[in-house]
Amino acid sequence: MAREESERSLVGFSAEVEGKGLKLRSEVVNGTYASSHRLAVGKVVRLGLAPKIAQGKSSVYVNGVKIGSDSKVSIAHGNNGRFSFVGVKGLWQRLGEESELELEINYQM
């Protein structure tokens, strides 16, 4: 049963490793519903990264704007043998708008 467009939003995510960074993009279809219900992304976890991630300093950018150290955004890194993960929490990115989250991560090969 299909619902009216005013009763749903569709958000697709894609991620890629680029250089020493990770980019996560969202594509939104009918963002009106998500915006009117104030739906947002608060936490992002990317699993299965091949290189081990150093516990060094990382930077977070949302739509090209660097998130300052005084914000509530925090980053967690870890690895389990061959694979690594990175997590970002404390975000408040609205789901009704297309966005790009970029992490600059210090890798050790």
N, C-alpha and C. Protein backbone atom coordinates (compact mmCIF):
# COMPACT_ATOMS: atom_id res chain seq x y z
N MET A 1 0.84 -1.17 0.00
CA MET A 1 0.00 0.00 0.00
C MET A 1 0.89 1.24 0.00
N ALA A 2 0.76 2.06 -1.01
CA ALA A 2 1.55 3.28 -1.11
C ALA A 2 0.90 4.38 -0.29
N ARG A 3 1.72 5.17 0.35
CA ARG A 3 1.22 6.30 1.13
C ARG A 3 1.35 7.57 0.32
N GLU A 4 0.62 8.56 0.74
CA GLU A 4 0.74 9.87 0.11
C GLU A 4 2.15 10.41 0.33
N GLU A 5 2.64 11.20 -0.62
CA GLU A 5 3.97 11.79 -0.46
C GLU A 5 4.09 12.61 0.80
N SER A 6 3.01 13.21 1.25
CA SER A 6 3.06 14.04 2.45
C SER A 6 3.24 13.21 3.72
N GLU A 7 3.17 11.87 3.60
CA GLU A 7 3.28 10.99 4.77
C GLU A 7 4.58 10.21 4.81
N ARG A 8 5.55 10.58 3.98
CA ARG A 8 6.81 9.83 3.99
C ARG A 8 7.94 10.66 3.40
N SER A 9 9.13 10.31 3.81
CA SER A 9 10.37 10.82 3.22
C SER A 9 11.27 9.62 2.99
N LEU A 10 12.08 9.67 1.96
CA LEU A 10 13.04 8.62 1.68
C LEU A 10 14.42 9.23 1.70
N VAL A 11 15.30 8.66 2.53
CA VAL A 11 16.66 9.16 2.65
C VAL A 11 17.62 8.02 2.34
N GLY A 12 18.50 8.22 1.37
CA GLY A 12 19.52 7.24 1.02
C GLY A 12 20.88 7.77 1.43
N PHE A 13 21.75 6.89 1.91
CA PHE A 13 23.09 7.28 2.34
C PHE A 13 24.13 6.55 1.51
N SER A 14 25.23 7.22 1.22
CA SER A 14 26.37 6.59 0.57
C SER A 14 27.63 7.06 1.28
N ALA A 15 28.63 6.19 1.33
CA ALA A 15 29.88 6.53 2.01
C ALA A 15 31.05 6.10 1.15
N GLU A 16 32.12 6.88 1.23
CA GLU A 16 33.35 6.51 0.51
C GLU A 16 34.55 7.03 1.27
N VAL A 17 35.64 6.28 1.18
CA VAL A 17 36.91 6.71 1.74
C VAL A 17 37.65 7.44 0.64
N GLU A 18 38.12 8.63 0.96
CA GLU A 18 38.80 9.47 -0.02
C GLU A 18 40.03 10.07 0.65
N GLY A 19 41.23 9.63 0.22
CA GLY A 19 42.45 10.12 0.85
C GLY A 19 42.48 9.71 2.31
N LYS A 20 42.66 10.69 3.19
CA LYS A 20 42.65 10.42 4.64
C LYS A 20 41.32 10.79 5.25
N GLY A 21 40.28 10.73 4.47
CA GLY A 21 38.98 11.12 4.98
C GLY A 21 37.89 10.16 4.59
N LEU A 22 36.77 10.34 5.22
CA LEU A 22 35.58 9.56 4.96
C LEU A 22 34.46 10.54 4.67
N LYS A 23 33.74 10.32 3.56
CA LYS A 23 32.62 11.18 3.20
C LYS A 23 31.34 10.37 3.25
N LEU A 24 30.33 10.92 3.90
CA LEU A 24 29.01 10.32 3.97
C LEU A 24 28.04 11.34 3.40
N ARG A 25 27.30 10.93 2.37
CA ARG A 25 26.34 11.83 1.73
C ARG A 25 24.93 11.28 1.89
N SER A 26 23.98 12.19 1.99
CA SER A 26 22.58 11.78 2.01
C SER A 26 21.87 12.36 0.81
N GLU A 27 20.94 11.58 0.28
CA GLU A 27 20.07 12.04 -0.80
C GLU A 27 18.65 11.89 -0.31
N VAL A 28 17.86 12.95 -0.47
CA VAL A 28 16.52 12.99 0.10
C VAL A 28 15.47 13.08 -0.99
N VAL A 29 14.43 12.26 -0.87
CA VAL A 29 13.26 12.35 -1.73
C VAL A 29 12.10 12.76 -0.83
N ASN A 30 11.44 13.85 -1.17
CA ASN A 30 10.33 14.39 -0.40
C ASN A 30 10.73 14.65 1.05
N GLY A 31 11.61 15.60 1.25
CA GLY A 31 12.08 15.94 2.59
C GLY A 31 11.08 16.69 3.43
N THR A 32 9.93 17.03 2.88
CA THR A 32 8.92 17.80 3.62
C THR A 32 8.46 17.08 4.87
N TYR A 33 8.18 15.78 4.77
CA TYR A 33 7.70 15.01 5.92
C TYR A 33 8.76 15.00 7.03
N ALA A 34 10.00 14.67 6.67
CA ALA A 34 11.07 14.61 7.67
C ALA A 34 11.29 15.97 8.31
N SER A 35 11.23 17.02 7.53
CA SER A 35 11.42 18.38 8.07
C SER A 35 10.28 18.77 9.00
N SER A 36 9.05 18.49 8.60
CA SER A 36 7.91 18.89 9.42
C SER A 36 7.84 18.10 10.73
N HIS A 37 8.44 16.90 10.77
CA HIS A 37 8.46 16.10 12.00
C HIS A 37 9.79 16.23 12.73
N ARG A 38 10.65 17.14 12.27
CA ARG A 38 11.94 17.43 12.90
C ARG A 38 12.81 16.18 13.08
N LEU A 39 12.80 15.29 12.07
CA LEU A 39 13.63 14.10 12.10
C LEU A 39 15.07 14.49 11.80
N ALA A 40 16.00 13.89 12.52
CA ALA A 40 17.41 14.27 12.36
C ALA A 40 18.32 13.08 12.62
N VAL A 41 19.54 13.18 12.10
CA VAL A 41 20.59 12.20 12.36
C VAL A 41 21.36 12.69 13.58
N GLY A 42 21.50 11.81 14.58
CA GLY A 42 22.24 12.17 15.78
C GLY A 42 23.55 11.42 15.91
N LYS A 43 23.65 10.26 15.25
CA LYS A 43 24.85 9.43 15.37
C LYS A 43 25.08 8.69 14.07
N VAL A 44 26.34 8.59 13.66
CA VAL A 44 26.73 7.89 12.44
C VAL A 44 27.87 6.94 12.80
N VAL A 45 27.78 5.68 12.37
CA VAL A 45 28.86 4.71 12.56
C VAL A 45 29.17 4.09 11.22
N ARG A 46 30.44 4.08 10.84
CA ARG A 46 30.89 3.46 9.59
C ARG A 46 31.77 2.28 9.95
N LEU A 47 31.34 1.08 9.60
CA LEU A 47 32.05 -0.15 9.90
C LEU A 47 32.83 -0.63 8.69
N GLY A 48 33.78 -1.52 8.90
CA GLY A 48 34.44 -2.21 7.80
C GLY A 48 35.52 -1.42 7.09
N LEU A 49 36.08 -0.43 7.74
CA LEU A 49 37.19 0.30 7.11
C LEU A 49 38.43 -0.57 7.14
N ALA A 50 39.15 -0.64 6.03
CA ALA A 50 40.29 -1.54 5.95
C ALA A 50 41.51 -1.08 6.74
N PRO A 51 41.96 0.16 6.60
CA PRO A 51 43.16 0.54 7.36
C PRO A 51 42.85 0.72 8.84
N LYS A 52 43.88 0.49 9.65
CA LYS A 52 43.71 0.76 11.08
C LYS A 52 43.70 2.27 11.28
N ILE A 53 42.89 2.71 12.18
CA ILE A 53 42.74 4.15 12.40
C ILE A 53 43.53 4.54 13.64
N ALA A 54 44.36 5.53 13.50
CA ALA A 54 45.15 6.03 14.63
C ALA A 54 44.23 6.75 15.61
N GLN A 55 44.62 6.77 16.84
CA GLN A 55 43.83 7.44 17.86
C GLN A 55 44.17 8.93 17.92
N GLY A 56 44.66 9.46 16.83
CA GLY A 56 45.03 10.88 16.77
C GLY A 56 43.83 11.78 16.60
N LYS A 57 44.12 13.00 16.28
CA LYS A 57 43.07 14.02 16.14
C LYS A 57 42.33 13.86 14.82
N SER A 58 41.03 14.02 14.87
CA SER A 58 40.18 13.97 13.68
C SER A 58 39.37 15.24 13.62
N SER A 59 38.95 15.61 12.42
CA SER A 59 38.12 16.79 12.23
C SER A 59 36.82 16.38 11.56
N VAL A 60 35.73 17.07 11.90
CA VAL A 60 34.42 16.80 11.34
C VAL A 60 33.94 18.03 10.59
N TYR A 61 33.44 17.82 9.37
CA TYR A 61 32.86 18.88 8.55
C TYR A 61 31.45 18.48 8.16
N VAL A 62 30.50 19.37 8.29
CA VAL A 62 29.14 19.13 7.83
C VAL A 62 28.84 20.18 6.78
N ASN A 63 28.55 19.72 5.56
CA ASN A 63 28.31 20.61 4.42
C ASN A 63 29.44 21.61 4.23
N GLY A 64 30.68 21.13 4.43
CA GLY A 64 31.86 21.96 4.20
C GLY A 64 32.24 22.87 5.34
N VAL A 65 31.48 22.88 6.44
CA VAL A 65 31.78 23.75 7.57
C VAL A 65 32.37 22.90 8.70
N LYS A 66 33.55 23.30 9.18
CA LYS A 66 34.22 22.55 10.23
C LYS A 66 33.47 22.73 11.55
N ILE A 67 33.25 21.60 12.24
CA ILE A 67 32.59 21.62 13.54
C ILE A 67 33.66 21.92 14.58
N GLY A 68 33.44 22.93 15.38
CA GLY A 68 34.42 23.37 16.37
C GLY A 68 34.55 22.43 17.55
N SER A 69 35.66 22.55 18.26
CA SER A 69 35.91 21.70 19.42
C SER A 69 34.98 22.03 20.58
N ASP A 70 34.32 23.16 20.53
CA ASP A 70 33.40 23.54 21.60
C ASP A 70 32.00 22.94 21.41
N SER A 71 31.78 22.19 20.34
CA SER A 71 30.48 21.58 20.09
C SER A 71 30.35 20.28 20.88
N LYS A 72 29.18 19.67 20.85
CA LYS A 72 28.92 18.41 21.55
C LYS A 72 29.21 17.21 20.66
N VAL A 73 29.78 17.42 19.49
CA VAL A 73 30.09 16.33 18.57
C VAL A 73 31.35 15.62 19.05
N SER A 74 31.29 14.29 19.13
CA SER A 74 32.47 13.52 19.51
C SER A 74 32.70 12.39 18.50
N ILE A 75 33.96 11.97 18.42
CA ILE A 75 34.38 10.95 17.45
C ILE A 75 34.99 9.78 18.21
N ALA A 76 34.64 8.56 17.81
CA ALA A 76 35.22 7.35 18.39
C ALA A 76 35.85 6.54 17.27
N HIS A 77 37.04 5.99 17.51
CA HIS A 77 37.73 5.12 16.57
C HIS A 77 37.97 3.77 17.22
N GLY A 78 38.10 2.76 16.43
CA GLY A 78 38.46 1.46 16.98
C GLY A 78 38.76 0.47 15.88
N ASN A 79 39.36 -0.65 16.25
CA ASN A 79 39.59 -1.70 15.27
C ASN A 79 39.52 -3.05 15.96
N ASN A 80 39.22 -4.03 15.14
CA ASN A 80 39.08 -5.39 15.61
C ASN A 80 39.83 -6.28 14.62
N GLY A 81 41.14 -6.32 14.74
CA GLY A 81 41.92 -7.12 13.81
C GLY A 81 42.07 -6.46 12.46
N ARG A 82 41.41 -7.00 11.44
CA ARG A 82 41.58 -6.52 10.08
C ARG A 82 40.74 -5.30 9.74
N PHE A 83 39.70 -5.01 10.50
CA PHE A 83 38.78 -3.93 10.14
C PHE A 83 38.69 -2.89 11.25
N SER A 84 38.34 -1.68 10.84
CA SER A 84 38.21 -0.57 11.77
C SER A 84 36.82 0.04 11.66
N PHE A 85 36.49 0.88 12.62
CA PHE A 85 35.25 1.63 12.56
C PHE A 85 35.50 3.05 13.04
N VAL A 86 34.61 3.91 12.66
CA VAL A 86 34.62 5.28 13.17
C VAL A 86 33.17 5.66 13.46
N GLY A 87 32.96 6.35 14.55
CA GLY A 87 31.62 6.78 14.92
C GLY A 87 31.62 8.26 15.28
N VAL A 88 30.57 8.93 14.93
CA VAL A 88 30.41 10.34 15.26
C VAL A 88 29.06 10.48 15.95
N LYS A 89 29.04 11.07 17.14
CA LYS A 89 27.76 11.29 17.81
C LYS A 89 27.67 12.74 18.27
N GLY A 90 26.46 13.13 18.60
CA GLY A 90 26.22 14.51 19.00
C GLY A 90 25.80 15.40 17.84
N LEU A 91 25.53 14.77 16.68
CA LEU A 91 25.11 15.53 15.51
C LEU A 91 23.64 15.94 15.65
N TRP A 92 23.24 16.90 14.89
CA TRP A 92 21.82 17.24 14.74
C TRP A 92 21.64 17.70 13.30
N GLN A 93 21.75 16.75 12.36
CA GLN A 93 21.61 17.05 10.95
C GLN A 93 20.22 16.64 10.51
N ARG A 94 19.44 17.59 10.04
CA ARG A 94 18.06 17.30 9.63
C ARG A 94 18.01 16.32 8.47
N LEU A 95 17.09 15.36 8.56
CA LEU A 95 16.93 14.36 7.50
C LEU A 95 16.23 14.90 6.27
N GLY A 96 15.51 16.00 6.39
CA GLY A 96 14.77 16.55 5.26
C GLY A 96 15.63 17.31 4.28
N GLU A 97 16.92 17.45 4.59
CA GLU A 97 17.85 18.20 3.73
C GLU A 97 19.00 17.30 3.32
N GLU A 98 19.42 17.40 2.06
CA GLU A 98 20.59 16.66 1.63
C GLU A 98 21.80 17.23 2.33
N SER A 99 22.75 16.36 2.67
CA SER A 99 23.91 16.83 3.41
C SER A 99 25.13 16.00 3.07
N GLU A 100 26.29 16.50 3.52
CA GLU A 100 27.55 15.78 3.38
C GLU A 100 28.31 15.90 4.69
N LEU A 101 28.66 14.76 5.26
CA LEU A 101 29.47 14.70 6.46
C LEU A 101 30.84 14.22 6.05
N GLU A 102 31.88 14.95 6.42
CA GLU A 102 33.24 14.57 6.05
C GLU A 102 34.09 14.49 7.30
N LEU A 103 34.85 13.41 7.41
CA LEU A 103 35.77 13.22 8.53
C LEU A 103 37.17 13.19 8.00
N GLU A 104 38.06 13.97 8.56
CA GLU A 104 39.49 13.85 8.30
C GLU A 104 40.03 12.97 9.40
N ILE A 105 40.58 11.82 9.03
CA ILE A 105 41.01 10.83 10.01
C ILE A 105 42.50 10.57 9.83
N ASN A 106 43.22 10.46 10.94
CA ASN A 106 44.64 10.12 10.90
C ASN A 106 44.78 8.61 10.79
N TYR A 107 45.21 8.13 9.64
CA TYR A 107 45.37 6.69 9.42
C TYR A 107 46.80 6.27 9.71
N GLN A 108 46.96 5.04 10.18
CA GLN A 108 48.27 4.42 10.18
C GLN A 108 48.15 3.13 9.39
N MET A 109 49.02 2.95 8.44
CA MET A 109 48.94 1.78 7.55
C MET A 109 49.64 0.59 8.16
